Amino acid sequence: MGFVNIDIAGILLDSNSPRDAASRTLAYLLQRSRARSISLWRLEEDSIALEMSVDADEDTIRGARTLWGSSRAAGADPGASVRGERSILVPTHGVSDSWAYLDGVDPGTVGVDQTSTGAAVAVKALRRTRVGGGRMENFQALRREELIATLNLYEWNIARVSRAKGVTRKTIYDWLGKLNIPRQYVPK
């Protein structure tokens, strides 16, 4: 399955309901990762609580809590992803109290950065976290997060990103400048 081009910022702005926007973003991440289910978790004290999910069941909930508990008991880095046999728990980018849990997936094939960024977009939509004062500032911040996720997905290969987005390479470079994203080079 190739990259499914979706404008996450557009989902958030076109949606009347924050919950609907978050759900659609999670559904996209679920499709992208080929996981059995995906869920968002909020850190509460020394445990996690389910905030939202797509296709989650009791096994998913038990699995996320077990993976969280075992990683904490083992003294794992609190900001690092936790890999299970067929699952992964990923901290969301820029939202310190939130985690995404993917169940029924090979943890080695999950794009951690993309999942983390996408989950952060879903959490911000769900919580209606404001990045700036107005609608345009929110749109620009979300556009920036989505572009960075796409760039990371394609290892900063501008030609591949432009094909996925359906725009020219010049447009991608213009967006990098307008959104103040410094160019990164990924060694091959």
N, C-alpha and C. Protein backbone atom coordinates (compact mmCIF):
# COMPACT_ATOMS: atom_id res chain seq x y z
N MET A 1 0.85 -1.18 0.00
CA MET A 1 0.00 0.00 0.00
C MET A 1 0.88 1.23 0.00
N GLY A 2 0.66 2.14 -0.92
CA GLY A 2 1.41 3.37 -0.98
C GLY A 2 0.85 4.39 -0.03
N PHE A 3 1.52 5.51 0.01
CA PHE A 3 1.06 6.60 0.88
C PHE A 3 -0.27 7.13 0.38
N VAL A 4 -1.24 7.22 1.25
CA VAL A 4 -2.53 7.78 0.91
C VAL A 4 -2.47 9.27 1.21
N ASN A 5 -2.55 10.09 0.18
CA ASN A 5 -2.42 11.53 0.37
C ASN A 5 -3.67 12.07 1.04
N ILE A 6 -3.50 12.65 2.18
CA ILE A 6 -4.62 13.23 2.92
C ILE A 6 -4.15 14.50 3.57
N ASP A 7 -4.97 15.51 3.56
CA ASP A 7 -4.62 16.79 4.14
C ASP A 7 -5.19 16.83 5.55
N ILE A 8 -4.37 16.47 6.54
CA ILE A 8 -4.84 16.41 7.92
C ILE A 8 -5.32 17.77 8.38
N ALA A 9 -4.61 18.83 8.02
CA ALA A 9 -5.04 20.17 8.40
C ALA A 9 -6.41 20.47 7.81
N GLY A 10 -6.64 20.02 6.58
CA GLY A 10 -7.95 20.22 5.95
C GLY A 10 -9.05 19.46 6.67
N ILE A 11 -8.75 18.26 7.14
CA ILE A 11 -9.74 17.49 7.92
C ILE A 11 -10.16 18.29 9.15
N LEU A 12 -9.18 18.86 9.82
CA LEU A 12 -9.49 19.58 11.05
C LEU A 12 -10.30 20.83 10.79
N LEU A 13 -9.97 21.56 9.74
CA LEU A 13 -10.68 22.80 9.48
C LEU A 13 -12.06 22.57 8.86
N ASP A 14 -12.21 21.47 8.10
CA ASP A 14 -13.49 21.20 7.45
C ASP A 14 -14.49 20.51 8.37
N SER A 15 -14.05 20.08 9.51
CA SER A 15 -14.92 19.34 10.40
C SER A 15 -15.62 20.26 11.39
N ASN A 16 -16.89 20.00 11.62
CA ASN A 16 -17.64 20.76 12.62
C ASN A 16 -17.40 20.24 14.02
N SER A 17 -17.00 19.00 14.13
CA SER A 17 -16.84 18.36 15.42
C SER A 17 -15.38 18.00 15.66
N PRO A 18 -14.82 18.43 16.78
CA PRO A 18 -13.44 18.05 17.09
C PRO A 18 -13.28 16.53 17.19
N ARG A 19 -14.28 15.86 17.73
CA ARG A 19 -14.22 14.40 17.87
C ARG A 19 -14.21 13.73 16.50
N ASP A 20 -14.99 14.26 15.57
CA ASP A 20 -15.03 13.72 14.21
C ASP A 20 -13.68 13.92 13.52
N ALA A 21 -13.08 15.08 13.68
CA ALA A 21 -11.77 15.33 13.07
C ALA A 21 -10.72 14.40 13.66
N ALA A 22 -10.74 14.21 14.96
CA ALA A 22 -9.78 13.31 15.60
C ALA A 22 -10.01 11.87 15.14
N SER A 23 -11.25 11.46 15.04
CA SER A 23 -11.59 10.11 14.61
C SER A 23 -11.13 9.86 13.17
N ARG A 24 -11.35 10.82 12.30
CA ARG A 24 -10.93 10.68 10.90
C ARG A 24 -9.41 10.63 10.80
N THR A 25 -8.71 11.40 11.61
CA THR A 25 -7.25 11.38 11.61
C THR A 25 -6.74 10.02 12.09
N LEU A 26 -7.35 9.49 13.15
CA LEU A 26 -6.96 8.16 13.64
C LEU A 26 -7.26 7.08 12.60
N ALA A 27 -8.39 7.20 11.91
CA ALA A 27 -8.73 6.22 10.87
C ALA A 27 -7.68 6.24 9.76
N TYR A 28 -7.19 7.42 9.41
CA TYR A 28 -6.13 7.54 8.42
C TYR A 28 -4.86 6.84 8.92
N LEU A 29 -4.48 7.11 10.17
CA LEU A 29 -3.28 6.48 10.74
C LEU A 29 -3.44 4.96 10.81
N LEU A 30 -4.63 4.51 11.12
CA LEU A 30 -4.91 3.07 11.17
C LEU A 30 -4.70 2.44 9.79
N GLN A 31 -5.26 3.07 8.77
CA GLN A 31 -5.11 2.57 7.41
C GLN A 31 -3.65 2.60 6.99
N ARG A 32 -2.97 3.66 7.32
CA ARG A 32 -1.56 3.84 6.93
C ARG A 32 -0.65 2.79 7.58
N SER A 33 -0.92 2.46 8.83
CA SER A 33 -0.05 1.53 9.56
C SER A 33 -0.44 0.07 9.37
N ARG A 34 -1.65 -0.16 8.86
CA ARG A 34 -2.18 -1.51 8.70
C ARG A 34 -2.34 -2.23 10.04
N ALA A 35 -2.57 -1.48 11.08
CA ALA A 35 -2.77 -2.05 12.41
C ALA A 35 -4.20 -2.58 12.53
N ARG A 36 -4.43 -3.38 13.56
CA ARG A 36 -5.78 -3.89 13.85
C ARG A 36 -6.62 -2.81 14.52
N SER A 37 -5.98 -2.01 15.39
CA SER A 37 -6.68 -0.91 16.06
C SER A 37 -5.67 0.15 16.44
N ILE A 38 -6.20 1.34 16.69
CA ILE A 38 -5.37 2.45 17.15
C ILE A 38 -6.14 3.17 18.24
N SER A 39 -5.42 3.63 19.26
CA SER A 39 -6.08 4.33 20.35
C SER A 39 -5.18 5.43 20.89
N LEU A 40 -5.81 6.45 21.45
CA LEU A 40 -5.10 7.55 22.10
C LEU A 40 -5.26 7.39 23.60
N TRP A 41 -4.16 7.61 24.31
CA TRP A 41 -4.15 7.44 25.76
C TRP A 41 -3.61 8.68 26.42
N ARG A 42 -4.20 9.05 27.55
CA ARG A 42 -3.76 10.19 28.33
C ARG A 42 -3.07 9.69 29.59
N LEU A 43 -1.93 10.30 29.90
CA LEU A 43 -1.19 9.96 31.10
C LEU A 43 -1.91 10.54 32.31
N GLU A 44 -2.20 9.69 33.28
CA GLU A 44 -2.84 10.11 34.53
C GLU A 44 -2.11 9.45 35.68
N GLU A 45 -1.42 10.28 36.46
CA GLU A 45 -0.61 9.78 37.58
C GLU A 45 0.42 8.79 37.04
N ASP A 46 0.37 7.53 37.48
CA ASP A 46 1.32 6.52 37.03
C ASP A 46 0.69 5.50 36.08
N SER A 47 -0.44 5.85 35.50
CA SER A 47 -1.08 4.93 34.56
C SER A 47 -1.59 5.72 33.36
N ILE A 48 -2.23 5.03 32.44
CA ILE A 48 -2.80 5.69 31.27
C ILE A 48 -4.29 5.40 31.20
N ALA A 49 -5.03 6.35 30.63
CA ALA A 49 -6.48 6.21 30.48
C ALA A 49 -6.84 6.40 29.01
N LEU A 50 -7.74 5.57 28.52
CA LEU A 50 -8.17 5.64 27.13
C LEU A 50 -8.89 6.96 26.88
N GLU A 51 -8.46 7.65 25.83
CA GLU A 51 -9.08 8.92 25.46
C GLU A 51 -9.96 8.77 24.22
N MET A 52 -9.50 7.98 23.24
CA MET A 52 -10.26 7.76 22.01
C MET A 52 -9.66 6.57 21.29
N SER A 53 -10.48 5.86 20.51
CA SER A 53 -9.95 4.72 19.77
C SER A 53 -10.73 4.48 18.49
N VAL A 54 -10.09 3.72 17.60
CA VAL A 54 -10.74 3.22 16.39
C VAL A 54 -10.48 1.72 16.37
N ASP A 55 -11.56 0.95 16.36
CA ASP A 55 -11.51 -0.52 16.32
C ASP A 55 -10.87 -1.16 17.55
N ALA A 56 -10.87 -0.47 18.68
CA ALA A 56 -10.29 -1.04 19.90
C ALA A 56 -11.33 -1.93 20.59
N ASP A 57 -10.83 -2.96 21.27
CA ASP A 57 -11.68 -3.84 22.06
C ASP A 57 -11.00 -4.07 23.41
N GLU A 58 -11.53 -4.99 24.19
CA GLU A 58 -10.96 -5.25 25.51
C GLU A 58 -9.50 -5.71 25.44
N ASP A 59 -9.17 -6.51 24.43
CA ASP A 59 -7.78 -6.95 24.28
C ASP A 59 -6.84 -5.78 24.02
N THR A 60 -7.31 -4.82 23.23
CA THR A 60 -6.52 -3.62 22.96
C THR A 60 -6.26 -2.84 24.24
N ILE A 61 -7.29 -2.64 25.02
CA ILE A 61 -7.17 -1.88 26.26
C ILE A 61 -6.24 -2.60 27.23
N ARG A 62 -6.43 -3.88 27.38
CA ARG A 62 -5.56 -4.67 28.27
C ARG A 62 -4.11 -4.64 27.77
N GLY A 63 -3.92 -4.77 26.45
CA GLY A 63 -2.58 -4.77 25.87
C GLY A 63 -1.85 -3.45 26.08
N ALA A 64 -2.56 -2.33 25.90
CA ALA A 64 -1.93 -1.02 26.09
C ALA A 64 -1.53 -0.82 27.54
N ARG A 65 -2.41 -1.16 28.44
CA ARG A 65 -2.09 -0.99 29.87
C ARG A 65 -0.96 -1.92 30.31
N THR A 66 -0.95 -3.14 29.79
CA THR A 66 0.11 -4.09 30.13
C THR A 66 1.45 -3.60 29.59
N LEU A 67 1.48 -3.16 28.35
CA LEU A 67 2.72 -2.66 27.75
C LEU A 67 3.23 -1.43 28.51
N TRP A 68 2.32 -0.54 28.85
CA TRP A 68 2.69 0.66 29.62
C TRP A 68 3.28 0.26 30.98
N GLY A 69 2.56 -0.60 31.69
CA GLY A 69 3.00 -1.02 33.02
C GLY A 69 4.33 -1.74 33.01
N SER A 70 4.52 -2.64 32.06
CA SER A 70 5.78 -3.38 32.01
C SER A 70 6.96 -2.49 31.64
N SER A 71 6.72 -1.50 30.78
CA SER A 71 7.82 -0.59 30.42
C SER A 71 8.20 0.30 31.60
N ARG A 72 7.22 0.71 32.38
CA ARG A 72 7.51 1.55 33.55
C ARG A 72 8.20 0.73 34.63
N ALA A 73 7.76 -0.51 34.80
CA ALA A 73 8.39 -1.38 35.81
C ALA A 73 9.84 -1.68 35.44
N ALA A 74 10.12 -1.73 34.13
CA ALA A 74 11.49 -2.01 33.68
C ALA A 74 12.35 -0.75 33.68
N GLY A 75 11.76 0.39 34.02
CA GLY A 75 12.52 1.64 34.07
C GLY A 75 12.82 2.22 32.70
N ALA A 76 11.96 1.98 31.73
CA ALA A 76 12.17 2.49 30.37
C ALA A 76 12.11 4.02 30.36
N ASP A 77 12.76 4.60 29.39
CA ASP A 77 12.74 6.05 29.20
C ASP A 77 11.29 6.49 29.00
N PRO A 78 10.77 7.42 29.83
CA PRO A 78 9.36 7.80 29.74
C PRO A 78 8.98 8.49 28.44
N GLY A 79 9.95 8.98 27.67
CA GLY A 79 9.64 9.64 26.41
C GLY A 79 9.91 8.80 25.19
N ALA A 80 10.21 7.51 25.38
CA ALA A 80 10.55 6.64 24.25
C ALA A 80 9.39 5.73 23.89
N SER A 81 9.35 5.32 22.64
CA SER A 81 8.35 4.35 22.19
C SER A 81 8.59 3.02 22.89
N VAL A 82 7.50 2.29 23.10
CA VAL A 82 7.58 0.98 23.74
C VAL A 82 7.03 -0.04 22.75
N ARG A 83 7.84 -1.04 22.45
CA ARG A 83 7.45 -2.05 21.47
C ARG A 83 7.08 -3.35 22.15
N GLY A 84 5.94 -3.87 21.75
CA GLY A 84 5.53 -5.20 22.20
C GLY A 84 5.75 -6.18 21.07
N GLU A 85 5.23 -7.39 21.23
CA GLU A 85 5.39 -8.39 20.19
C GLU A 85 4.61 -8.03 18.93
N ARG A 86 3.37 -7.60 19.09
CA ARG A 86 2.51 -7.20 17.96
C ARG A 86 1.85 -5.86 18.22
N SER A 87 2.56 -4.95 18.92
CA SER A 87 1.99 -3.65 19.23
C SER A 87 3.10 -2.65 19.50
N ILE A 88 2.72 -1.38 19.51
CA ILE A 88 3.67 -0.32 19.82
C ILE A 88 2.93 0.83 20.49
N LEU A 89 3.57 1.42 21.48
CA LEU A 89 3.05 2.57 22.22
C LEU A 89 3.99 3.73 21.91
N VAL A 90 3.45 4.79 21.31
CA VAL A 90 4.25 5.90 20.82
C VAL A 90 3.84 7.20 21.51
N PRO A 91 4.80 7.96 22.07
CA PRO A 91 4.44 9.26 22.64
C PRO A 91 4.08 10.23 21.51
N THR A 92 3.07 11.06 21.74
CA THR A 92 2.67 11.99 20.70
C THR A 92 3.60 13.20 20.68
N HIS A 93 3.88 13.66 19.50
CA HIS A 93 4.80 14.78 19.28
C HIS A 93 4.19 16.08 19.82
N GLY A 94 4.86 16.68 20.78
CA GLY A 94 4.43 17.98 21.27
C GLY A 94 3.29 17.96 22.29
N VAL A 95 2.79 16.79 22.65
CA VAL A 95 1.73 16.68 23.65
C VAL A 95 2.24 15.71 24.71
N SER A 96 2.78 16.26 25.78
CA SER A 96 3.54 15.45 26.74
C SER A 96 2.73 14.41 27.50
N ASP A 97 1.43 14.59 27.61
CA ASP A 97 0.64 13.64 28.40
C ASP A 97 -0.17 12.68 27.55
N SER A 98 0.23 12.48 26.29
CA SER A 98 -0.57 11.66 25.40
C SER A 98 0.28 10.62 24.66
N TRP A 99 -0.32 9.45 24.43
CA TRP A 99 0.34 8.35 23.75
C TRP A 99 -0.61 7.74 22.73
N ALA A 100 -0.06 7.19 21.67
CA ALA A 100 -0.84 6.44 20.68
C ALA A 100 -0.43 4.97 20.78
N TYR A 101 -1.41 4.09 20.75
CA TYR A 101 -1.17 2.65 20.85
C TYR A 101 -1.70 1.98 19.59
N LEU A 102 -0.84 1.27 18.87
CA LEU A 102 -1.24 0.52 17.70
C LEU A 102 -1.15 -0.96 18.04
N ASP A 103 -2.23 -1.69 17.79
CA ASP A 103 -2.33 -3.10 18.13
C ASP A 103 -2.44 -3.92 16.85
N GLY A 104 -1.85 -5.10 16.86
CA GLY A 104 -1.94 -6.00 15.71
C GLY A 104 -1.07 -5.54 14.56
N VAL A 105 0.13 -5.09 14.89
CA VAL A 105 1.03 -4.57 13.86
C VAL A 105 2.44 -5.01 14.18
N ASP A 106 3.27 -5.15 13.15
CA ASP A 106 4.69 -5.44 13.37
C ASP A 106 5.34 -4.13 13.79
N PRO A 107 5.80 -4.01 15.05
CA PRO A 107 6.33 -2.74 15.54
C PRO A 107 7.52 -2.22 14.73
N GLY A 108 8.23 -3.11 14.05
CA GLY A 108 9.37 -2.69 13.25
C GLY A 108 8.98 -1.97 11.98
N THR A 109 7.74 -2.08 11.56
CA THR A 109 7.30 -1.46 10.30
C THR A 109 6.54 -0.16 10.52
N VAL A 110 6.31 0.22 11.76
CA VAL A 110 5.54 1.43 12.05
C VAL A 110 6.43 2.65 11.94
N GLY A 111 5.98 3.64 11.19
CA GLY A 111 6.69 4.92 11.12
C GLY A 111 6.41 5.69 12.40
N VAL A 112 7.34 5.63 13.34
CA VAL A 112 7.12 6.22 14.66
C VAL A 112 6.92 7.73 14.58
N ASP A 113 7.76 8.43 13.80
CA ASP A 113 7.62 9.89 13.70
C ASP A 113 6.28 10.29 13.09
N GLN A 114 5.89 9.59 12.03
CA GLN A 114 4.63 9.91 11.38
C GLN A 114 3.44 9.60 12.29
N THR A 115 3.51 8.47 12.97
CA THR A 115 2.43 8.10 13.90
C THR A 115 2.35 9.11 15.03
N SER A 116 3.50 9.50 15.57
CA SER A 116 3.54 10.46 16.66
C SER A 116 2.96 11.81 16.25
N THR A 117 3.34 12.28 15.07
CA THR A 117 2.84 13.58 14.59
C THR A 117 1.35 13.50 14.28
N GLY A 118 0.93 12.44 13.61
CA GLY A 118 -0.49 12.28 13.30
C GLY A 118 -1.35 12.16 14.55
N ALA A 119 -0.85 11.42 15.53
CA ALA A 119 -1.58 11.27 16.79
C ALA A 119 -1.67 12.62 17.51
N ALA A 120 -0.62 13.42 17.43
CA ALA A 120 -0.65 14.75 18.05
C ALA A 120 -1.71 15.63 17.40
N VAL A 121 -1.83 15.53 16.09
CA VAL A 121 -2.86 16.29 15.38
C VAL A 121 -4.24 15.85 15.87
N ALA A 122 -4.44 14.54 16.03
CA ALA A 122 -5.73 14.02 16.50
C ALA A 122 -6.01 14.49 17.93
N VAL A 123 -5.00 14.45 18.79
CA VAL A 123 -5.19 14.89 20.18
C VAL A 123 -5.53 16.37 20.22
N LYS A 124 -4.84 17.18 19.43
CA LYS A 124 -5.12 18.62 19.41
C LYS A 124 -6.53 18.90 18.90
N ALA A 125 -6.96 18.12 17.92
CA ALA A 125 -8.33 18.29 17.42
C ALA A 125 -9.32 17.89 18.51
N LEU A 126 -9.05 16.76 19.15
CA LEU A 126 -9.95 16.26 20.18
C LEU A 126 -10.06 17.24 21.35
N ARG A 127 -8.94 17.78 21.74
CA ARG A 127 -8.91 18.70 22.89
C ARG A 127 -9.11 20.15 22.48
N ARG A 128 -9.19 20.38 21.19
CA ARG A 128 -9.34 21.74 20.66
C ARG A 128 -8.24 22.65 21.18
N THR A 129 -7.02 22.12 21.22
CA THR A 129 -5.87 22.91 21.66
C THR A 129 -5.60 23.98 20.62
N ARG A 130 -5.52 25.19 21.06
CA ARG A 130 -5.26 26.30 20.16
C ARG A 130 -3.78 26.57 20.09
N VAL A 131 -3.27 26.63 18.87
CA VAL A 131 -1.87 26.91 18.65
C VAL A 131 -1.66 28.41 18.60
N GLY A 132 -2.61 29.12 18.06
CA GLY A 132 -2.52 30.57 17.95
C GLY A 132 -3.86 31.18 18.26
N GLY A 133 -3.99 32.46 18.01
CA GLY A 133 -5.22 33.15 18.36
C GLY A 133 -6.36 32.91 17.40
N GLY A 134 -6.05 32.80 16.09
CA GLY A 134 -7.13 32.71 15.13
C GLY A 134 -7.08 31.47 14.28
N ARG A 135 -8.07 31.36 13.42
CA ARG A 135 -8.21 30.20 12.55
C ARG A 135 -7.02 30.04 11.62
N MET A 136 -6.49 31.15 11.08
CA MET A 136 -5.38 31.07 10.15
C MET A 136 -4.10 30.57 10.83
N GLU A 137 -3.85 31.01 12.05
CA GLU A 137 -2.67 30.54 12.78
C GLU A 137 -2.78 29.05 13.05
N ASN A 138 -3.98 28.60 13.41
CA ASN A 138 -4.19 27.17 13.65
C ASN A 138 -3.94 26.37 12.37
N PHE A 139 -4.46 26.89 11.27
CA PHE A 139 -4.29 26.20 10.00
C PHE A 139 -2.82 26.10 9.63
N GLN A 140 -2.07 27.19 9.79
CA GLN A 140 -0.65 27.18 9.45
C GLN A 140 0.13 26.19 10.32
N ALA A 141 -0.18 26.14 11.61
CA ALA A 141 0.51 25.21 12.51
C ALA A 141 0.21 23.77 12.12
N LEU A 142 -1.04 23.48 11.80
CA LEU A 142 -1.42 22.13 11.41
C LEU A 142 -0.84 21.76 10.05
N ARG A 143 -0.81 22.72 9.13
CA ARG A 143 -0.22 22.50 7.81
C ARG A 143 1.27 22.16 7.97
N ARG A 144 1.94 22.88 8.87
CA ARG A 144 3.36 22.66 9.13
C ARG A 144 3.58 21.24 9.67
N GLU A 145 2.78 20.82 10.65
CA GLU A 145 2.92 19.48 11.22
C GLU A 145 2.69 18.40 10.16
N GLU A 146 1.68 18.60 9.33
CA GLU A 146 1.39 17.61 8.30
C GLU A 146 2.51 17.53 7.28
N LEU A 147 3.05 18.69 6.86
CA LEU A 147 4.14 18.69 5.88
C LEU A 147 5.39 18.02 6.46
N ILE A 148 5.70 18.29 7.70
CA ILE A 148 6.86 17.65 8.33
C ILE A 148 6.67 16.13 8.40
N ALA A 149 5.46 15.69 8.72
CA ALA A 149 5.18 14.25 8.76
C ALA A 149 5.37 13.62 7.38
N THR A 150 4.91 14.30 6.34
CA THR A 150 5.06 13.78 4.98
C THR A 150 6.54 13.78 4.57
N LEU A 151 7.25 14.85 4.91
CA LEU A 151 8.69 14.91 4.60
C LEU A 151 9.44 13.77 5.30
N ASN A 152 9.12 13.53 6.55
CA ASN A 152 9.77 12.43 7.28
C ASN A 152 9.42 11.09 6.66
N LEU A 153 8.17 10.93 6.24
CA LEU A 153 7.73 9.68 5.62
C LEU A 153 8.57 9.35 4.40
N TYR A 154 8.84 10.36 3.59
CA TYR A 154 9.60 10.16 2.36
C TYR A 154 11.08 10.53 2.51
N GLU A 155 11.56 10.53 3.74
CA GLU A 155 12.96 10.78 4.07
C GLU A 155 13.47 12.06 3.42
N TRP A 156 12.66 13.09 3.43
CA TRP A 156 12.99 14.42 2.92
C TRP A 156 13.34 14.42 1.44
N ASN A 157 12.84 13.45 0.69
CA ASN A 157 13.03 13.43 -0.76
C ASN A 157 11.93 14.31 -1.36
N ILE A 158 12.31 15.50 -1.76
CA ILE A 158 11.35 16.52 -2.21
C ILE A 158 10.58 16.05 -3.43
N ALA A 159 11.22 15.35 -4.34
CA ALA A 159 10.53 14.87 -5.54
C ALA A 159 9.41 13.90 -5.16
N ARG A 160 9.68 12.99 -4.24
CA ARG A 160 8.66 12.02 -3.81
C ARG A 160 7.54 12.71 -3.04
N VAL A 161 7.89 13.68 -2.21
CA VAL A 161 6.87 14.42 -1.46
C VAL A 161 5.97 15.19 -2.43
N SER A 162 6.58 15.82 -3.43
CA SER A 162 5.78 16.59 -4.39
C SER A 162 4.83 15.68 -5.17
N ARG A 163 5.29 14.49 -5.53
CA ARG A 163 4.39 13.54 -6.22
C ARG A 163 3.25 13.11 -5.30
N ALA A 164 3.55 12.83 -4.05
CA ALA A 164 2.52 12.40 -3.11
C ALA A 164 1.49 13.49 -2.87
N LYS A 165 1.95 14.73 -2.83
CA LYS A 165 1.06 15.87 -2.59
C LYS A 165 0.37 16.35 -3.86
N GLY A 166 0.89 15.94 -5.04
CA GLY A 166 0.30 16.37 -6.30
C GLY A 166 0.64 17.81 -6.64
N VAL A 167 1.82 18.25 -6.23
CA VAL A 167 2.27 19.61 -6.51
C VAL A 167 3.69 19.55 -7.06
N THR A 168 4.21 20.70 -7.48
CA THR A 168 5.57 20.73 -8.00
C THR A 168 6.58 20.79 -6.85
N ARG A 169 7.84 20.47 -7.18
CA ARG A 169 8.90 20.58 -6.18
C ARG A 169 9.05 22.02 -5.72
N LYS A 170 8.90 22.97 -6.65
CA LYS A 170 8.99 24.38 -6.28
C LYS A 170 7.95 24.74 -5.22
N THR A 171 6.76 24.18 -5.34
CA THR A 171 5.72 24.44 -4.34
C THR A 171 6.15 23.92 -2.97
N ILE A 172 6.75 22.73 -2.94
CA ILE A 172 7.23 22.19 -1.66
C ILE A 172 8.27 23.12 -1.06
N TYR A 173 9.22 23.57 -1.88
CA TYR A 173 10.24 24.50 -1.39
C TYR A 173 9.61 25.81 -0.90
N ASP A 174 8.58 26.29 -1.61
CA ASP A 174 7.88 27.50 -1.17
C ASP A 174 7.22 27.27 0.19
N TRP A 175 6.59 26.11 0.35
CA TRP A 175 5.95 25.79 1.64
C TRP A 175 6.98 25.72 2.76
N LEU A 176 8.15 25.14 2.46
CA LEU A 176 9.20 25.08 3.48
C LEU A 176 9.57 26.48 3.95
N GLY A 177 9.68 27.40 3.01
CA GLY A 177 10.02 28.77 3.36
C GLY A 177 8.90 29.48 4.12
N LYS A 178 7.68 29.36 3.64
CA LYS A 178 6.54 30.03 4.27
C LYS A 178 6.25 29.49 5.67
N LEU A 179 6.46 28.20 5.86
CA LEU A 179 6.17 27.58 7.14
C LEU A 179 7.39 27.51 8.05
N ASN A 180 8.49 28.13 7.59
CA ASN A 180 9.72 28.21 8.38
C ASN A 180 10.22 26.82 8.81
N ILE A 181 10.32 25.92 7.83
CA ILE A 181 10.81 24.57 8.08
C ILE A 181 12.21 24.48 7.46
N PRO A 182 13.24 24.32 8.30
CA PRO A 182 14.59 24.23 7.74
C PRO A 182 14.77 22.91 6.98
N ARG A 183 15.44 22.99 5.85
CA ARG A 183 15.70 21.82 5.01
C ARG A 183 16.60 20.84 5.74
N GLN A 184 16.23 19.57 5.71
CA GLN A 184 17.05 18.52 6.32
C GLN A 184 17.51 17.56 5.25
N TYR A 185 18.68 17.01 5.44
CA TYR A 185 19.22 16.04 4.51
C TYR A 185 19.36 14.71 5.26
N VAL A 186 18.80 13.66 4.67
CA VAL A 186 18.86 12.34 5.28
C VAL A 186 19.90 11.52 4.53
N PRO A 187 20.91 11.02 5.23
CA PRO A 187 21.93 10.22 4.56
C PRO A 187 21.34 8.94 3.99
N LYS A 188 21.78 8.58 2.81
CA LYS A 188 21.27 7.39 2.14
C LYS A 188 22.06 6.17 2.53
